[in-house]
């Protein structure tokens, strides 16, 4: 995704989020809010295709969550 952030759909991001324990909400709006249990969230416009800048932001956000999860696992 990061190498080719074009032509991705919101369903792709929702699938990736679900695999990582992140919820996605779209309460009748044109945006989807992804929320992690830590309280971190990211809102992405649900247009097709998603603009590459939002795909890159999503991947960076997901990487940051995974990095925090790794740090928490190293402490215990």
C-alpha atoms as a PDB file:
ATOM      1  CA  UNK A   1       0.000   0.000   0.000  1.00  0.00           C
ATOM      2  CA  UNK A   2       2.758   2.432   0.889  1.00  0.00           C
ATOM      3  CA  UNK A   3       4.620   1.732  -2.359  1.00  0.00           C
ATOM      4  CA  UNK A   4       1.455   2.266  -4.432  1.00  0.00           C
ATOM      5  CA  UNK A   5      -1.049   4.393  -2.473  1.00  0.00           C
ATOM      6  CA  UNK A   6      -3.355   4.834  -5.480  1.00  0.00           C
ATOM      7  CA  UNK A   7      -6.601   3.041  -6.300  1.00  0.00           C
ATOM      8  CA  UNK A   8      -7.347   1.759  -2.790  1.00  0.00           C
ATOM      9  CA  UNK A   9     -10.915   1.593  -1.549  1.00  0.00           C
ATOM     10  CA  UNK A  10     -12.253   2.218   1.933  1.00  0.00           C
ATOM     11  CA  UNK A  11     -13.159  -1.483   2.196  1.00  0.00           C
ATOM     12  CA  UNK A  12      -9.447  -2.301   1.884  1.00  0.00           C
ATOM     13  CA  UNK A  13      -8.635  -0.037   4.823  1.00  0.00           C
ATOM     14  CA  UNK A  14     -11.505  -1.502   6.852  1.00  0.00           C
ATOM     15  CA  UNK A  15     -10.195  -5.027   6.234  1.00  0.00           C
ATOM     16  CA  UNK A  16      -6.680  -4.067   7.279  1.00  0.00           C
ATOM     17  CA  UNK A  17      -8.026  -2.300  10.354  1.00  0.00           C
ATOM     18  CA  UNK A  18     -10.111  -5.303  11.438  1.00  0.00           C
ATOM     19  CA  UNK A  19      -7.059  -7.567  11.168  1.00  0.00           C
ATOM     20  CA  UNK A  20      -5.262  -5.247  13.588  1.00  0.00           C
ATOM     21  CA  UNK A  21      -8.013  -4.877  16.182  1.00  0.00           C
ATOM     22  CA  UNK A  22      -9.134  -1.443  15.008  1.00  0.00           C
ATOM     23  CA  UNK A  23     -12.810  -0.555  14.729  1.00  0.00           C
ATOM     24  CA  UNK A  24     -14.248   1.403  11.830  1.00  0.00           C
ATOM     25  CA  UNK A  25     -17.348   3.595  12.106  1.00  0.00           C
ATOM     26  CA  UNK A  26     -19.213   5.316   9.320  1.00  0.00           C
ATOM     27  CA  UNK A  27     -22.467   6.554  10.853  1.00  0.00           C
ATOM     28  CA  UNK A  28     -24.119   7.714   7.652  1.00  0.00           C
ATOM     29  CA  UNK A  29     -21.393  10.178   6.775  1.00  0.00           C
ATOM     30  CA  UNK A  30     -18.906  10.556   3.961  1.00  0.00           C
ATOM     31  CA  UNK A  31     -16.012   9.758   6.304  1.00  0.00           C
ATOM     32  CA  UNK A  32     -14.885   6.647   8.167  1.00  0.00           C
ATOM     33  CA  UNK A  33     -13.361   6.962  11.625  1.00  0.00           C
ATOM     34  CA  UNK A  34     -10.884   4.274  12.594  1.00  0.00           C
ATOM     35  CA  UNK A  35     -10.363   3.902  16.342  1.00  0.00           C
ATOM     36  CA  UNK A  36      -7.871   1.805  18.272  1.00  0.00           C
ATOM     37  CA  UNK A  37      -8.423   0.640  21.874  1.00  0.00           C
ATOM     38  CA  UNK A  38      -5.630   2.995  22.984  1.00  0.00           C
ATOM     39  CA  UNK A  39      -7.886   5.934  22.058  1.00  0.00           C
ATOM     40  CA  UNK A  40      -5.945   6.820  18.947  1.00  0.00           C
ATOM     41  CA  UNK A  41      -8.135   7.599  15.938  1.00  0.00           C
ATOM     42  CA  UNK A  42      -7.910   8.583  12.288  1.00  0.00           C
ATOM     43  CA  UNK A  43     -10.659   9.867  10.005  1.00  0.00           C
ATOM     44  CA  UNK A  44     -10.531   9.123   6.279  1.00  0.00           C
ATOM     45  CA  UNK A  45     -12.878  10.392   3.537  1.00  0.00           C
ATOM     46  CA  UNK A  46     -14.740   7.449   2.003  1.00  0.00           C
ATOM     47  CA  UNK A  47     -14.497   8.591  -1.623  1.00  0.00           C
ATOM     48  CA  UNK A  48     -13.422   6.168  -4.331  1.00  0.00           C
ATOM     49  CA  UNK A  49     -10.574   5.895  -4.863  1.00  0.00           C
ATOM     50  CA  UNK A  50      -9.127   7.216  -1.633  1.00  0.00           C
ATOM     51  CA  UNK A  51      -6.592   9.978  -2.185  1.00  0.00           C
ATOM     52  CA  UNK A  52      -3.045   8.643  -1.786  1.00  0.00           C
ATOM     53  CA  UNK A  53      -2.289  11.053   1.056  1.00  0.00           C
ATOM     54  CA  UNK A  54      -4.951   9.353   3.221  1.00  0.00           C
ATOM     55  CA  UNK A  55      -3.638   5.873   2.420  1.00  0.00           C
ATOM     56  CA  UNK A  56      -0.139   6.963   3.465  1.00  0.00           C
ATOM     57  CA  UNK A  57      -1.500   8.553   6.678  1.00  0.00           C
ATOM     58  CA  UNK A  58      -3.424   5.358   7.474  1.00  0.00           C
ATOM     59  CA  UNK A  59      -0.340   3.161   7.025  1.00  0.00           C
ATOM     60  CA  UNK A  60       1.803   5.504   9.131  1.00  0.00           C
ATOM     61  CA  UNK A  61      -0.883   5.526  11.846  1.00  0.00           C
ATOM     62  CA  UNK A  62      -1.108   1.732  11.769  1.00  0.00           C
ATOM     63  CA  UNK A  63       2.695   1.428  11.964  1.00  0.00           C
ATOM     64  CA  UNK A  64       2.743   3.752  14.999  1.00  0.00           C
ATOM     65  CA  UNK A  65       0.090   1.630  16.746  1.00  0.00           C
ATOM     66  CA  UNK A  66       2.040  -1.546  16.033  1.00  0.00           C
ATOM     67  CA  UNK A  67       5.255   0.070  17.305  1.00  0.00           C
ATOM     68  CA  UNK A  68       3.534   1.060  20.566  1.00  0.00           C
ATOM     69  CA  UNK A  69       2.173  -2.482  20.889  1.00  0.00           C
ATOM     70  CA  UNK A  70       5.704  -3.839  20.432  1.00  0.00           C
ATOM     71  CA  UNK A  71       7.105  -1.483  23.080  1.00  0.00           C
ATOM     72  CA  UNK A  72       4.402  -2.506  25.545  1.00  0.00           C
ATOM     73  CA  UNK A  73       5.216  -6.178  24.922  1.00  0.00           C
ATOM     74  CA  UNK A  74       8.945  -5.596  25.565  1.00  0.00           C
ATOM     75  CA  UNK A  75       8.301  -4.112  29.024  1.00  0.00           C
ATOM     76  CA  UNK A  76       6.537  -7.144  30.481  1.00  0.00           C
END
